Amino acid sequence: MSEFTIAQREREAVHVLELKGYLDAHTAPKLEEAFQGLLKDQRFNIIVNCKDLSYISSAGLGVFMAYIEDVRKNNGDIKLSNMSTKVYNVFDLLGFPLLYEITPDEQDAYNKFGNALTRK
């Protein structure tokens, strides 16, 4: 079984998910549960910190696609940060940089929420 964990924390009006390990077909349901919980709790400004994400499969990428529309429909966004080159290349290959803001670090992602934070 693949090892995968998600740490969650609040940063003012932004919810941060810290992914660690292998995000694949076996572990993707954990990320789905996290997104479902955030939507249920009306948390629509989300940063996914990928610093400790060592692998992502198409099943993992599918989770991001499954929730982005609902998040944006509620005037929020999912921003991705701290990707290794290996993980970024998978996102890039499938065109994710056109759909998501991917930043070098979490602070950059946080700053990109800008005016959305002052409206809260």
N, C-alpha and C. Protein backbone atom coordinates (compact mmCIF):
# COMPACT_ATOMS: atom_id res chain seq x y z
N MET A 1 0.84 -1.19 0.00
CA MET A 1 0.00 0.00 0.00
C MET A 1 0.88 1.24 0.00
N SER A 2 0.51 2.21 -0.79
CA SER A 2 1.26 3.45 -0.90
C SER A 2 1.05 4.32 0.34
N GLU A 3 2.11 4.97 0.77
CA GLU A 3 2.07 5.87 1.92
C GLU A 3 1.66 7.27 1.45
N PHE A 4 0.63 7.84 2.06
CA PHE A 4 0.17 9.16 1.70
C PHE A 4 -0.52 9.78 2.90
N THR A 5 -0.15 11.02 3.23
CA THR A 5 -0.81 11.73 4.32
C THR A 5 -1.14 13.15 3.89
N ILE A 6 -2.13 13.72 4.55
CA ILE A 6 -2.53 15.11 4.33
C ILE A 6 -2.59 15.80 5.68
N ALA A 7 -1.80 16.84 5.83
CA ALA A 7 -1.90 17.70 7.01
C ALA A 7 -2.71 18.92 6.60
N GLN A 8 -3.62 19.35 7.48
CA GLN A 8 -4.46 20.51 7.16
C GLN A 8 -4.27 21.58 8.22
N ARG A 9 -4.29 22.83 7.76
CA ARG A 9 -4.21 23.95 8.68
C ARG A 9 -4.85 25.17 8.05
N GLU A 10 -5.25 26.10 8.90
CA GLU A 10 -5.81 27.38 8.45
C GLU A 10 -4.71 28.43 8.48
N ARG A 11 -4.77 29.28 7.50
CA ARG A 11 -3.88 30.44 7.46
C ARG A 11 -4.76 31.62 7.12
N GLU A 12 -5.28 32.28 8.15
CA GLU A 12 -6.28 33.33 8.02
C GLU A 12 -7.45 32.79 7.20
N ALA A 13 -7.75 33.39 6.05
CA ALA A 13 -8.92 32.96 5.27
C ALA A 13 -8.56 31.90 4.23
N VAL A 14 -7.39 31.28 4.37
CA VAL A 14 -6.93 30.28 3.41
C VAL A 14 -6.73 28.96 4.14
N HIS A 15 -7.18 27.88 3.51
CA HIS A 15 -6.98 26.55 4.06
C HIS A 15 -5.82 25.90 3.30
N VAL A 16 -4.87 25.34 4.04
CA VAL A 16 -3.69 24.73 3.43
C VAL A 16 -3.74 23.21 3.62
N LEU A 17 -3.56 22.50 2.51
CA LEU A 17 -3.40 21.05 2.54
C LEU A 17 -1.94 20.75 2.23
N GLU A 18 -1.27 20.05 3.10
CA GLU A 18 0.12 19.65 2.87
C GLU A 18 0.13 18.17 2.52
N LEU A 19 0.51 17.87 1.28
CA LEU A 19 0.51 16.49 0.81
C LEU A 19 1.88 15.87 1.00
N LYS A 20 1.88 14.61 1.42
CA LYS A 20 3.14 13.90 1.63
C LYS A 20 3.02 12.48 1.11
N GLY A 21 3.98 12.08 0.28
CA GLY A 21 4.04 10.70 -0.18
C GLY A 21 3.57 10.52 -1.60
N TYR A 22 2.88 9.39 -1.82
CA TYR A 22 2.44 8.96 -3.15
C TYR A 22 0.94 9.15 -3.30
N LEU A 23 0.56 10.01 -4.27
CA LEU A 23 -0.85 10.23 -4.57
C LEU A 23 -1.18 9.45 -5.83
N ASP A 24 -1.86 8.32 -5.63
CA ASP A 24 -2.19 7.43 -6.75
C ASP A 24 -3.63 6.93 -6.59
N ALA A 25 -4.00 5.95 -7.36
CA ALA A 25 -5.37 5.44 -7.32
C ALA A 25 -5.77 4.93 -5.94
N HIS A 26 -4.82 4.39 -5.18
CA HIS A 26 -5.13 3.86 -3.85
C HIS A 26 -5.29 4.96 -2.82
N THR A 27 -4.59 6.07 -2.99
CA THR A 27 -4.60 7.12 -1.98
C THR A 27 -5.44 8.33 -2.37
N ALA A 28 -5.85 8.43 -3.63
CA ALA A 28 -6.65 9.57 -4.10
C ALA A 28 -7.93 9.79 -3.27
N PRO A 29 -8.60 8.73 -2.79
CA PRO A 29 -9.80 8.97 -1.97
C PRO A 29 -9.54 9.83 -0.73
N LYS A 30 -8.33 9.79 -0.17
CA LYS A 30 -8.02 10.65 0.98
C LYS A 30 -8.08 12.13 0.58
N LEU A 31 -7.54 12.44 -0.60
CA LEU A 31 -7.58 13.82 -1.08
C LEU A 31 -9.02 14.22 -1.42
N GLU A 32 -9.78 13.31 -1.99
CA GLU A 32 -11.19 13.59 -2.27
C GLU A 32 -11.93 13.93 -0.99
N GLU A 33 -11.71 13.16 0.05
CA GLU A 33 -12.36 13.42 1.34
C GLU A 33 -11.98 14.79 1.88
N ALA A 34 -10.71 15.16 1.73
CA ALA A 34 -10.26 16.47 2.21
C ALA A 34 -10.97 17.58 1.46
N PHE A 35 -11.05 17.49 0.12
CA PHE A 35 -11.74 18.51 -0.66
C PHE A 35 -13.23 18.55 -0.33
N GLN A 36 -13.86 17.39 -0.18
CA GLN A 36 -15.28 17.35 0.17
C GLN A 36 -15.52 18.04 1.51
N GLY A 37 -14.65 17.79 2.47
CA GLY A 37 -14.78 18.44 3.78
C GLY A 37 -14.63 19.95 3.69
N LEU A 38 -13.69 20.41 2.88
CA LEU A 38 -13.50 21.85 2.72
C LEU A 38 -14.73 22.50 2.09
N LEU A 39 -15.26 21.87 1.06
CA LEU A 39 -16.45 22.42 0.41
C LEU A 39 -17.64 22.44 1.38
N LYS A 40 -17.80 21.36 2.13
CA LYS A 40 -18.89 21.28 3.11
C LYS A 40 -18.78 22.40 4.14
N ASP A 41 -17.52 22.71 4.54
CA ASP A 41 -17.26 23.75 5.54
C ASP A 41 -17.15 25.15 4.93
N GLN A 42 -17.48 25.26 3.62
CA GLN A 42 -17.44 26.54 2.92
C GLN A 42 -16.04 27.17 2.91
N ARG A 43 -15.04 26.33 2.74
CA ARG A 43 -13.65 26.79 2.63
C ARG A 43 -13.29 26.71 1.15
N PHE A 44 -13.20 27.87 0.51
CA PHE A 44 -13.01 27.89 -0.94
C PHE A 44 -11.67 28.48 -1.38
N ASN A 45 -10.90 29.04 -0.46
CA ASN A 45 -9.55 29.52 -0.76
C ASN A 45 -8.59 28.45 -0.26
N ILE A 46 -7.99 27.72 -1.19
CA ILE A 46 -7.21 26.53 -0.83
C ILE A 46 -5.83 26.58 -1.46
N ILE A 47 -4.83 26.30 -0.64
CA ILE A 47 -3.47 26.09 -1.14
C ILE A 47 -3.14 24.62 -0.92
N VAL A 48 -2.63 23.99 -1.95
CA VAL A 48 -2.14 22.62 -1.82
C VAL A 48 -0.61 22.69 -1.90
N ASN A 49 0.02 22.49 -0.74
CA ASN A 49 1.47 22.53 -0.65
C ASN A 49 2.00 21.13 -0.97
N CYS A 50 2.77 21.05 -2.06
CA CYS A 50 3.24 19.76 -2.57
C CYS A 50 4.70 19.49 -2.23
N LYS A 51 5.22 20.19 -1.24
CA LYS A 51 6.65 20.08 -0.89
C LYS A 51 7.07 18.62 -0.66
N ASP A 52 6.25 17.86 0.02
CA ASP A 52 6.60 16.47 0.35
C ASP A 52 5.85 15.45 -0.50
N LEU A 53 5.25 15.90 -1.60
CA LEU A 53 4.59 14.98 -2.53
C LEU A 53 5.65 14.42 -3.46
N SER A 54 5.86 13.11 -3.38
CA SER A 54 6.93 12.52 -4.17
C SER A 54 6.46 11.89 -5.48
N TYR A 55 5.14 11.68 -5.61
CA TYR A 55 4.62 11.04 -6.82
C TYR A 55 3.15 11.40 -6.97
N ILE A 56 2.70 11.61 -8.20
CA ILE A 56 1.28 11.80 -8.48
C ILE A 56 0.92 11.06 -9.76
N SER A 57 -0.17 10.32 -9.72
CA SER A 57 -0.65 9.58 -10.90
C SER A 57 -1.82 10.33 -11.52
N SER A 58 -2.31 9.81 -12.62
CA SER A 58 -3.47 10.44 -13.27
C SER A 58 -4.69 10.43 -12.34
N ALA A 59 -4.80 9.43 -11.48
CA ALA A 59 -5.92 9.40 -10.52
C ALA A 59 -5.82 10.57 -9.55
N GLY A 60 -4.63 10.89 -9.12
CA GLY A 60 -4.43 12.04 -8.24
C GLY A 60 -4.76 13.35 -8.94
N LEU A 61 -4.31 13.47 -10.18
CA LEU A 61 -4.62 14.67 -10.97
C LEU A 61 -6.12 14.82 -11.17
N GLY A 62 -6.80 13.70 -11.35
CA GLY A 62 -8.25 13.73 -11.53
C GLY A 62 -8.99 14.32 -10.35
N VAL A 63 -8.46 14.13 -9.15
CA VAL A 63 -9.11 14.70 -7.96
C VAL A 63 -9.11 16.23 -8.05
N PHE A 64 -7.99 16.79 -8.48
CA PHE A 64 -7.93 18.25 -8.62
C PHE A 64 -8.97 18.74 -9.62
N MET A 65 -9.09 18.03 -10.73
CA MET A 65 -10.05 18.42 -11.76
C MET A 65 -11.49 18.28 -11.27
N ALA A 66 -11.75 17.32 -10.42
CA ALA A 66 -13.10 17.07 -9.94
C ALA A 66 -13.64 18.19 -9.06
N TYR A 67 -12.76 18.95 -8.41
CA TYR A 67 -13.23 19.94 -7.43
C TYR A 67 -13.00 21.39 -7.82
N ILE A 68 -12.20 21.65 -8.84
CA ILE A 68 -11.89 23.04 -9.17
C ILE A 68 -13.12 23.84 -9.58
N GLU A 69 -14.03 23.24 -10.32
CA GLU A 69 -15.22 23.97 -10.77
C GLU A 69 -16.08 24.40 -9.58
N ASP A 70 -16.31 23.50 -8.63
CA ASP A 70 -17.12 23.85 -7.46
C ASP A 70 -16.45 24.93 -6.62
N VAL A 71 -15.13 24.86 -6.49
CA VAL A 71 -14.40 25.86 -5.71
C VAL A 71 -14.51 27.23 -6.39
N ARG A 72 -14.28 27.28 -7.68
CA ARG A 72 -14.32 28.56 -8.40
C ARG A 72 -15.74 29.11 -8.51
N LYS A 73 -16.71 28.23 -8.57
CA LYS A 73 -18.12 28.66 -8.61
C LYS A 73 -18.47 29.43 -7.33
N ASN A 74 -17.75 29.17 -6.26
CA ASN A 74 -17.96 29.84 -4.98
C ASN A 74 -16.92 30.94 -4.75
N ASN A 75 -16.39 31.51 -5.84
CA ASN A 75 -15.42 32.60 -5.79
C ASN A 75 -14.13 32.26 -5.06
N GLY A 76 -13.76 30.99 -5.08
CA GLY A 76 -12.50 30.57 -4.48
C GLY A 76 -11.54 30.07 -5.54
N ASP A 77 -10.46 29.47 -5.09
CA ASP A 77 -9.49 28.90 -6.01
C ASP A 77 -8.65 27.87 -5.27
N ILE A 78 -8.04 27.01 -6.07
CA ILE A 78 -7.05 26.05 -5.57
C ILE A 78 -5.72 26.46 -6.18
N LYS A 79 -4.77 26.81 -5.34
CA LYS A 79 -3.44 27.18 -5.81
C LYS A 79 -2.46 26.11 -5.33
N LEU A 80 -1.50 25.80 -6.18
CA LEU A 80 -0.54 24.73 -5.89
C LEU A 80 0.82 25.35 -5.64
N SER A 81 1.55 24.80 -4.67
CA SER A 81 2.87 25.36 -4.36
C SER A 81 3.88 24.27 -4.04
N ASN A 82 5.15 24.68 -4.06
CA ASN A 82 6.28 23.88 -3.57
C ASN A 82 6.45 22.54 -4.26
N MET A 83 6.21 22.48 -5.55
CA MET A 83 6.35 21.20 -6.27
C MET A 83 7.81 20.90 -6.59
N SER A 84 8.16 19.63 -6.46
CA SER A 84 9.46 19.19 -6.97
C SER A 84 9.39 19.24 -8.50
N THR A 85 10.54 19.25 -9.14
CA THR A 85 10.57 19.25 -10.60
C THR A 85 9.86 18.04 -11.16
N LYS A 86 10.06 16.90 -10.53
CA LYS A 86 9.44 15.64 -10.99
C LYS A 86 7.92 15.74 -10.97
N VAL A 87 7.35 16.24 -9.89
CA VAL A 87 5.90 16.36 -9.77
C VAL A 87 5.39 17.46 -10.71
N TYR A 88 6.10 18.58 -10.77
CA TYR A 88 5.68 19.66 -11.67
C TYR A 88 5.62 19.17 -13.12
N ASN A 89 6.57 18.37 -13.52
CA ASN A 89 6.59 17.89 -14.90
C ASN A 89 5.34 17.10 -15.25
N VAL A 90 4.79 16.35 -14.30
CA VAL A 90 3.55 15.61 -14.55
C VAL A 90 2.39 16.59 -14.73
N PHE A 91 2.30 17.60 -13.85
CA PHE A 91 1.26 18.61 -13.99
C PHE A 91 1.40 19.35 -15.32
N ASP A 92 2.63 19.70 -15.65
CA ASP A 92 2.91 20.46 -16.87
C ASP A 92 2.56 19.66 -18.12
N LEU A 93 2.90 18.39 -18.12
CA LEU A 93 2.62 17.53 -19.27
C LEU A 93 1.14 17.51 -19.62
N LEU A 94 0.30 17.61 -18.61
CA LEU A 94 -1.15 17.55 -18.83
C LEU A 94 -1.81 18.93 -18.87
N GLY A 95 -1.01 19.98 -18.94
CA GLY A 95 -1.54 21.32 -19.12
C GLY A 95 -2.08 22.01 -17.88
N PHE A 96 -1.77 21.50 -16.71
CA PHE A 96 -2.30 22.08 -15.47
C PHE A 96 -1.86 23.53 -15.24
N PRO A 97 -0.64 23.94 -15.66
CA PRO A 97 -0.27 25.34 -15.44
C PRO A 97 -1.19 26.33 -16.17
N LEU A 98 -1.96 25.88 -17.14
CA LEU A 98 -2.93 26.74 -17.80
C LEU A 98 -4.21 26.87 -16.97
N LEU A 99 -4.47 25.90 -16.10
CA LEU A 99 -5.70 25.86 -15.31
C LEU A 99 -5.52 26.30 -13.86
N TYR A 100 -4.32 26.13 -13.34
CA TYR A 100 -4.03 26.39 -11.94
C TYR A 100 -2.82 27.30 -11.82
N GLU A 101 -2.83 28.15 -10.79
CA GLU A 101 -1.61 28.89 -10.46
C GLU A 101 -0.72 27.95 -9.67
N ILE A 102 0.50 27.79 -10.16
CA ILE A 102 1.50 26.96 -9.49
C ILE A 102 2.64 27.88 -9.10
N THR A 103 2.90 27.97 -7.81
CA THR A 103 3.90 28.92 -7.31
C THR A 103 5.08 28.18 -6.69
N PRO A 104 6.23 28.85 -6.64
CA PRO A 104 7.42 28.22 -6.06
C PRO A 104 7.29 27.90 -4.57
N ASP A 105 6.55 28.77 -3.84
CA ASP A 105 6.39 28.49 -2.41
C ASP A 105 5.00 28.91 -1.93
N GLU A 106 4.69 28.48 -0.74
CA GLU A 106 3.36 28.70 -0.17
C GLU A 106 3.06 30.18 0.01
N GLN A 107 4.04 30.97 0.41
CA GLN A 107 3.80 32.40 0.61
C GLN A 107 3.37 33.06 -0.69
N ASP A 108 3.98 32.70 -1.81
CA ASP A 108 3.58 33.24 -3.11
C ASP A 108 2.12 32.88 -3.40
N ALA A 109 1.76 31.64 -3.14
CA ALA A 109 0.38 31.20 -3.37
C ALA A 109 -0.58 32.00 -2.49
N TYR A 110 -0.21 32.17 -1.24
CA TYR A 110 -1.04 32.94 -0.31
C TYR A 110 -1.23 34.37 -0.80
N ASN A 111 -0.14 34.99 -1.23
CA ASN A 111 -0.20 36.38 -1.72
C ASN A 111 -1.10 36.50 -2.95
N LYS A 112 -1.17 35.47 -3.78
CA LYS A 112 -1.97 35.52 -5.00
C LYS A 112 -3.47 35.59 -4.71
N PHE A 113 -3.87 35.21 -3.50
CA PHE A 113 -5.30 35.35 -3.16
C PHE A 113 -5.65 36.82 -3.02
N GLY A 114 -4.71 37.66 -2.64
CA GLY A 114 -4.85 39.11 -2.61
C GLY A 114 -6.19 39.62 -2.14
N ASN A 115 -6.96 40.23 -3.06
CA ASN A 115 -8.23 40.87 -2.73
C ASN A 115 -9.27 39.90 -2.22
N ALA A 116 -9.17 38.64 -2.58
CA ALA A 116 -10.14 37.66 -2.10
C ALA A 116 -10.09 37.56 -0.58
N LEU A 117 -8.92 37.80 0.00
CA LEU A 117 -8.80 37.71 1.46
C LEU A 117 -9.41 38.92 2.15
N THR A 118 -9.33 40.07 1.51
CA THR A 118 -9.89 41.27 2.13
C THR A 118 -11.41 41.32 2.05
N ARG A 119 -12.02 40.50 1.17
CA ARG A 119 -13.49 40.46 1.05
C ARG A 119 -14.11 39.58 2.13
N LYS A 120 -13.31 38.79 2.82
CA LYS A 120 -13.86 37.84 3.81
C LYS A 120 -14.28 38.54 5.07
